[in-house]
Amino acid sequence: MDKLTQISPCAGLLPISIGALTVTEADVGPMTSITPFSSPPKAAFSRALGLPFPAPNQSTSDGDTRCIWAGQGEAFLIGVAPKSALGKHAAVVDQSDAWAFVTLSGAGGADALARLVPVDMRLSAFAVGATARTQLGHMNASITRIEEDKYLIAVFRSMADTLVHDLRTALEAVAARG
């Protein structure tokens, strides 16, 4: 009988470092889609979530736990499994195996992303904590600036290879300019 082995979405593809930029796979732990039953969410919801529900195009965090805006009335909770009480206030769906997460870090990350996304990723327009659901190349992606020179990028798991390829191409182009 065959023995199945669990592998991460970017296994064997990362890390890559080109010029001042590095792309690594991010192990964000559990990922849960959260859709509150009421809008705006009630205080009991926020207590059960453990973080404030993010405003559009924003994220909230507490250490490695992050709540990322995902669209109108929806967010992704990453880094911790949701408390059972959250189910009384929101639709809660485990998404842990459906996404690939990478971090892009280093000076020039906004320049690399400018080649791939139709969103201004410069710090002046996309501050720490900002997030966008957007196209990255031809993929749907979630991009969150988690530090001044660090982005958390998520795509559907099936697009991990394409994500790494597109990021590598962008990093090479940015490095060639320097």
C-alpha atoms as a PDB file:
ATOM      1  CA  MET A   1       0.000   0.000   0.000  1.00  0.00           C
ATOM      2  CA  ASP A   2       1.211   3.512  -0.783  1.00  0.00           C
ATOM      3  CA  LYS A   3       2.035   5.776   2.117  1.00  0.00           C
ATOM      4  CA  LEU A   4       0.911   9.373   1.708  1.00  0.00           C
ATOM      5  CA  THR A   5       3.254  12.097   2.881  1.00  0.00           C
ATOM      6  CA  GLN A   6       2.108  15.591   3.724  1.00  0.00           C
ATOM      7  CA  ILE A   7       4.105  18.303   1.978  1.00  0.00           C
ATOM      8  CA  SER A   8       3.792  22.064   2.030  1.00  0.00           C
ATOM      9  CA  PRO A   9       2.570  23.905  -1.080  1.00  0.00           C
ATOM     10  CA  CYS A  10       6.019  25.363  -1.847  1.00  0.00           C
ATOM     11  CA  ALA A  11       8.093  22.300  -0.928  1.00  0.00           C
ATOM     12  CA  GLY A  12      11.273  22.281  -2.993  1.00  0.00           C
ATOM     13  CA  LEU A  13      10.522  25.691  -4.520  1.00  0.00           C
ATOM     14  CA  LEU A  14      11.664  28.045  -1.757  1.00  0.00           C
ATOM     15  CA  PRO A  15      13.544  29.845  -0.349  1.00  0.00           C
ATOM     16  CA  ILE A  16      14.938  32.065  -3.083  1.00  0.00           C
ATOM     17  CA  SER A  17      17.120  35.144  -2.635  1.00  0.00           C
ATOM     18  CA  ILE A  18      17.903  37.450  -5.515  1.00  0.00           C
ATOM     19  CA  GLY A  19      19.591  40.781  -4.908  1.00  0.00           C
ATOM     20  CA  ALA A  20      18.261  42.299  -1.700  1.00  0.00           C
ATOM     21  CA  LEU A  21      14.998  40.325  -1.811  1.00  0.00           C
ATOM     22  CA  THR A  22      14.084  36.953  -0.323  1.00  0.00           C
ATOM     23  CA  VAL A  23      10.981  34.819  -0.742  1.00  0.00           C
ATOM     24  CA  THR A  24      10.308  32.139   1.864  1.00  0.00           C
ATOM     25  CA  GLU A  25       7.381  29.873   2.545  1.00  0.00           C
ATOM     26  CA  ALA A  26       5.384  31.016   5.568  1.00  0.00           C
ATOM     27  CA  ASP A  27       3.896  28.509   7.966  1.00  0.00           C
ATOM     28  CA  VAL A  28       0.964  30.538   9.268  1.00  0.00           C
ATOM     29  CA  GLY A  29      -0.610  27.674  11.194  1.00  0.00           C
ATOM     30  CA  PRO A  30      -4.377  27.230  11.018  1.00  0.00           C
ATOM     31  CA  MET A  31      -6.344  29.410   8.597  1.00  0.00           C
ATOM     32  CA  THR A  32     -10.056  29.988   9.047  1.00  0.00           C
ATOM     33  CA  SER A  33     -12.529  31.971   6.973  1.00  0.00           C
ATOM     34  CA  ILE A  34     -14.703  34.108   9.262  1.00  0.00           C
ATOM     35  CA  THR A  35     -17.985  35.707   8.136  1.00  0.00           C
ATOM     36  CA  PRO A  36     -19.860  37.490  10.962  1.00  0.00           C
ATOM     37  CA  PHE A  37     -23.627  37.015  11.108  1.00  0.00           C
ATOM     38  CA  SER A  38     -24.162  40.722  11.872  1.00  0.00           C
ATOM     39  CA  SER A  39     -22.706  43.821  10.301  1.00  0.00           C
ATOM     40  CA  PRO A  40     -21.020  45.527  11.991  1.00  0.00           C
ATOM     41  CA  PRO A  41     -19.950  42.630  14.219  1.00  0.00           C
ATOM     42  CA  LYS A  42     -21.181  42.820  17.789  1.00  0.00           C
ATOM     43  CA  ALA A  43     -18.835  43.139  20.785  1.00  0.00           C
ATOM     44  CA  ALA A  44     -19.410  39.472  21.706  1.00  0.00           C
ATOM     45  CA  PHE A  45     -18.079  38.525  18.279  1.00  0.00           C
ATOM     46  CA  SER A  46     -14.858  40.494  18.826  1.00  0.00           C
ATOM     47  CA  ARG A  47     -14.367  38.875  22.237  1.00  0.00           C
ATOM     48  CA  ALA A  48     -14.827  35.414  20.714  1.00  0.00           C
ATOM     49  CA  LEU A  49     -12.476  36.264  17.830  1.00  0.00           C
ATOM     50  CA  GLY A  50      -9.815  37.621  20.182  1.00  0.00           C
ATOM     51  CA  LEU A  51      -8.927  40.435  17.767  1.00  0.00           C
ATOM     52  CA  PRO A  52     -10.821  43.345  16.278  1.00  0.00           C
ATOM     53  CA  PHE A  53     -12.478  42.451  12.970  1.00  0.00           C
ATOM     54  CA  PRO A  54     -10.416  44.236  10.289  1.00  0.00           C
ATOM     55  CA  ALA A  55     -11.712  47.214   8.352  1.00  0.00           C
ATOM     56  CA  PRO A  56     -11.704  46.895   4.555  1.00  0.00           C
ATOM     57  CA  ASN A  57      -8.157  46.603   3.168  1.00  0.00           C
ATOM     58  CA  GLN A  58      -6.688  46.237   6.656  1.00  0.00           C
ATOM     59  CA  SER A  59      -5.496  43.531   9.003  1.00  0.00           C
ATOM     60  CA  THR A  60      -5.316  43.240  12.764  1.00  0.00           C
ATOM     61  CA  SER A  61      -2.743  41.244  14.679  1.00  0.00           C
ATOM     62  CA  ASP A  62      -1.503  40.117  18.047  1.00  0.00           C
ATOM     63  CA  GLY A  63       1.860  38.416  17.747  1.00  0.00           C
ATOM     64  CA  ASP A  64       1.629  35.581  15.227  1.00  0.00           C
ATOM     65  CA  THR A  65      -2.182  35.707  15.220  1.00  0.00           C
ATOM     66  CA  ARG A  66      -3.561  37.790  12.385  1.00  0.00           C
ATOM     67  CA  CYS A  67      -7.016  38.613  11.049  1.00  0.00           C
ATOM     68  CA  ILE A  68      -6.830  39.664   7.393  1.00  0.00           C
ATOM     69  CA  TRP A  69      -9.661  41.368   5.519  1.00  0.00           C
ATOM     70  CA  ALA A  70     -10.725  39.063   2.671  1.00  0.00           C
ATOM     71  CA  GLY A  71     -13.671  40.873   1.111  1.00  0.00           C
ATOM     72  CA  GLN A  72     -16.962  42.440   2.077  1.00  0.00           C
ATOM     73  CA  GLY A  73     -17.907  40.995   5.454  1.00  0.00           C
ATOM     74  CA  GLU A  74     -15.203  38.293   5.426  1.00  0.00           C
ATOM     75  CA  ALA A  75     -11.775  37.858   7.003  1.00  0.00           C
ATOM     76  CA  PHE A  76      -9.145  35.164   7.356  1.00  0.00           C
ATOM     77  CA  LEU A  77      -7.971  34.252  10.831  1.00  0.00           C
ATOM     78  CA  ILE A  78      -4.448  32.810  10.713  1.00  0.00           C
ATOM     79  CA  GLY A  79      -2.056  31.597  13.355  1.00  0.00           C
ATOM     80  CA  VAL A  80      -4.569  30.166  15.797  1.00  0.00           C
ATOM     81  CA  ALA A  81      -7.619  27.928  15.673  1.00  0.00           C
ATOM     82  CA  PRO A  82     -10.812  29.875  16.354  1.00  0.00           C
ATOM     83  CA  LYS A  83     -12.463  29.626  19.750  1.00  0.00           C
ATOM     84  CA  SER A  84     -15.571  27.442  19.712  1.00  0.00           C
ATOM     85  CA  ALA A  85     -17.680  30.426  20.895  1.00  0.00           C
ATOM     86  CA  LEU A  86     -16.991  32.139  17.564  1.00  0.00           C
ATOM     87  CA  GLY A  87     -19.424  29.770  15.827  1.00  0.00           C
ATOM     88  CA  LYS A  88     -22.328  31.501  17.633  1.00  0.00           C
ATOM     89  CA  HIS A  89     -21.459  34.789  15.928  1.00  0.00           C
ATOM     90  CA  ALA A  90     -20.029  33.873  12.519  1.00  0.00           C
ATOM     91  CA  ALA A  91     -19.752  31.281   9.794  1.00  0.00           C
ATOM     92  CA  VAL A  92     -16.406  29.596  10.470  1.00  0.00           C
ATOM     93  CA  VAL A  93     -14.727  27.455   7.780  1.00  0.00           C
ATOM     94  CA  ASP A  94     -11.294  25.832   8.014  1.00  0.00           C
ATOM     95  CA  GLN A  95      -9.166  26.828   5.000  1.00  0.00           C
ATOM     96  CA  SER A  96      -5.799  25.556   6.280  1.00  0.00           C
ATOM     97  CA  ASP A  97      -5.025  23.227   3.375  1.00  0.00           C
ATOM     98  CA  ALA A  98      -6.375  25.463   0.619  1.00  0.00           C
ATOM     99  CA  TRP A  99      -3.775  28.236   0.522  1.00  0.00           C
ATOM    100  CA  ALA A 100      -0.055  28.764  -0.017  1.00  0.00           C
ATOM    101  CA  PHE A 101       1.625  31.541   1.994  1.00  0.00           C
ATOM    102  CA  VAL A 102       4.967  33.156   1.259  1.00  0.00           C
ATOM    103  CA  THR A 103       6.789  36.174   2.595  1.00  0.00           C
ATOM    104  CA  LEU A 104       8.601  38.633   0.370  1.00  0.00           C
ATOM    105  CA  SER A 105      11.171  40.552   2.372  1.00  0.00           C
ATOM    106  CA  GLY A 106      13.917  43.061   1.773  1.00  0.00           C
ATOM    107  CA  ALA A 107      14.363  46.534   0.372  1.00  0.00           C
ATOM    108  CA  GLY A 108      12.724  46.777  -3.034  1.00  0.00           C
ATOM    109  CA  GLY A 109       9.750  44.509  -2.356  1.00  0.00           C
ATOM    110  CA  ALA A 110       7.364  47.198  -3.590  1.00  0.00           C
ATOM    111  CA  ASP A 111       9.381  47.451  -6.819  1.00  0.00           C
ATOM    112  CA  ALA A 112       9.085  43.705  -7.397  1.00  0.00           C
ATOM    113  CA  LEU A 113       5.365  43.701  -6.657  1.00  0.00           C
ATOM    114  CA  ALA A 114       4.853  46.701  -8.980  1.00  0.00           C
ATOM    115  CA  ARG A 115       5.681  44.312 -11.834  1.00  0.00           C
ATOM    116  CA  LEU A 116       2.919  41.914 -10.773  1.00  0.00           C
ATOM    117  CA  VAL A 117       0.029  43.733  -9.105  1.00  0.00           C
ATOM    118  CA  PRO A 118      -2.185  46.702 -10.066  1.00  0.00           C
ATOM    119  CA  VAL A 119      -1.948  48.161  -6.545  1.00  0.00           C
ATOM    120  CA  ASP A 120       0.500  50.798  -5.312  1.00  0.00           C
ATOM    121  CA  MET A 121       2.599  48.829  -2.817  1.00  0.00           C
ATOM    122  CA  ARG A 122       4.857  51.711  -1.777  1.00  0.00           C
ATOM    123  CA  LEU A 123       4.881  52.349   1.973  1.00  0.00           C
ATOM    124  CA  SER A 124       3.297  55.785   1.459  1.00  0.00           C
ATOM    125  CA  ALA A 125       0.210  54.163  -0.111  1.00  0.00           C
ATOM    126  CA  PHE A 126       0.244  50.698   1.490  1.00  0.00           C
ATOM    127  CA  ALA A 127       1.171  51.032   5.175  1.00  0.00           C
ATOM    128  CA  VAL A 128       2.074  48.270   7.605  1.00  0.00           C
ATOM    129  CA  GLY A 129      -1.158  46.369   8.303  1.00  0.00           C
ATOM    130  CA  ALA A 130      -2.689  47.186   4.915  1.00  0.00           C
ATOM    131  CA  THR A 131      -4.015  44.287   2.869  1.00  0.00           C
ATOM    132  CA  ALA A 132      -5.400  43.879  -0.628  1.00  0.00           C
ATOM    133  CA  ARG A 133      -7.285  41.160  -2.467  1.00  0.00           C
ATOM    134  CA  THR A 134      -5.927  41.639  -5.950  1.00  0.00           C
ATOM    135  CA  GLN A 135      -4.459  40.052  -9.048  1.00  0.00           C
ATOM    136  CA  LEU A 136      -0.844  38.945  -8.834  1.00  0.00           C
ATOM    137  CA  GLY A 137       0.111  38.138 -12.388  1.00  0.00           C
ATOM    138  CA  HIS A 138      -2.968  36.209 -13.451  1.00  0.00           C
ATOM    139  CA  MET A 139      -3.754  34.765  -9.997  1.00  0.00           C
ATOM    140  CA  ASN A 140      -6.075  35.941  -7.265  1.00  0.00           C
ATOM    141  CA  ALA A 141      -4.009  36.816  -4.217  1.00  0.00           C
ATOM    142  CA  SER A 142      -4.122  38.353  -0.777  1.00  0.00           C
ATOM    143  CA  ILE A 143      -1.183  40.634   0.005  1.00  0.00           C
ATOM    144  CA  THR A 144      -0.605  42.078   3.474  1.00  0.00           C
ATOM    145  CA  ARG A 145       2.257  44.339   4.493  1.00  0.00           C
ATOM    146  CA  ILE A 146       3.364  42.888   7.827  1.00  0.00           C
ATOM    147  CA  GLU A 147       6.512  45.005   8.279  1.00  0.00           C
ATOM    148  CA  GLU A 148       7.996  47.976   6.470  1.00  0.00           C
ATOM    149  CA  ASP A 149       9.994  45.699   4.133  1.00  0.00           C
ATOM    150  CA  LYS A 150       7.975  42.482   4.419  1.00  0.00           C
ATOM    151  CA  TYR A 151       4.808  41.256   2.712  1.00  0.00           C
ATOM    152  CA  LEU A 152       2.694  38.178   3.401  1.00  0.00           C
ATOM    153  CA  ILE A 153       1.309  36.821   0.135  1.00  0.00           C
ATOM    154  CA  ALA A 154      -1.357  34.118  -0.128  1.00  0.00           C
ATOM    155  CA  VAL A 155      -2.646  32.331  -3.223  1.00  0.00           C
ATOM    156  CA  PHE A 156      -4.671  29.185  -3.735  1.00  0.00           C
ATOM    157  CA  ARG A 157      -2.505  26.151  -3.052  1.00  0.00           C
ATOM    158  CA  SER A 158      -2.751  24.970  -6.657  1.00  0.00           C
ATOM    159  CA  MET A 159      -1.045  28.206  -7.780  1.00  0.00           C
ATOM    160  CA  ALA A 160       2.056  27.897  -5.552  1.00  0.00           C
ATOM    161  CA  ASP A 161       4.412  26.949  -8.393  1.00  0.00           C
ATOM    162  CA  THR A 162       3.149  29.817 -10.555  1.00  0.00           C
ATOM    163  CA  LEU A 163       3.493  32.253  -7.647  1.00  0.00           C
ATOM    164  CA  VAL A 164       7.116  31.282  -7.087  1.00  0.00           C
ATOM    165  CA  HIS A 165       7.865  31.510 -10.813  1.00  0.00           C
ATOM    166  CA  ASP A 166       6.296  34.957 -11.131  1.00  0.00           C
ATOM    167  CA  LEU A 167       8.039  36.254  -7.999  1.00  0.00           C
ATOM    168  CA  ARG A 168      11.399  34.882  -9.183  1.00  0.00           C
ATOM    169  CA  THR A 169      10.978  36.670 -12.539  1.00  0.00           C
ATOM    170  CA  ALA A 170      10.092  39.955 -10.793  1.00  0.00           C
ATOM    171  CA  LEU A 171      13.018  39.671  -8.360  1.00  0.00           C
ATOM    172  CA  GLU A 172      15.423  39.014 -11.225  1.00  0.00           C
ATOM    173  CA  ALA A 173      14.142  42.089 -13.070  1.00  0.00           C
ATOM    174  CA  VAL A 174      14.538  44.305 -10.003  1.00  0.00           C
ATOM    175  CA  ALA A 175      18.040  42.942  -9.313  1.00  0.00           C
ATOM    176  CA  ALA A 176      19.046  43.543 -12.949  1.00  0.00           C
ATOM    177  CA  ARG A 177      18.212  47.246 -12.559  1.00  0.00           C
ATOM    178  CA  GLY A 178      20.644  47.585  -9.658  1.00  0.00           C
END
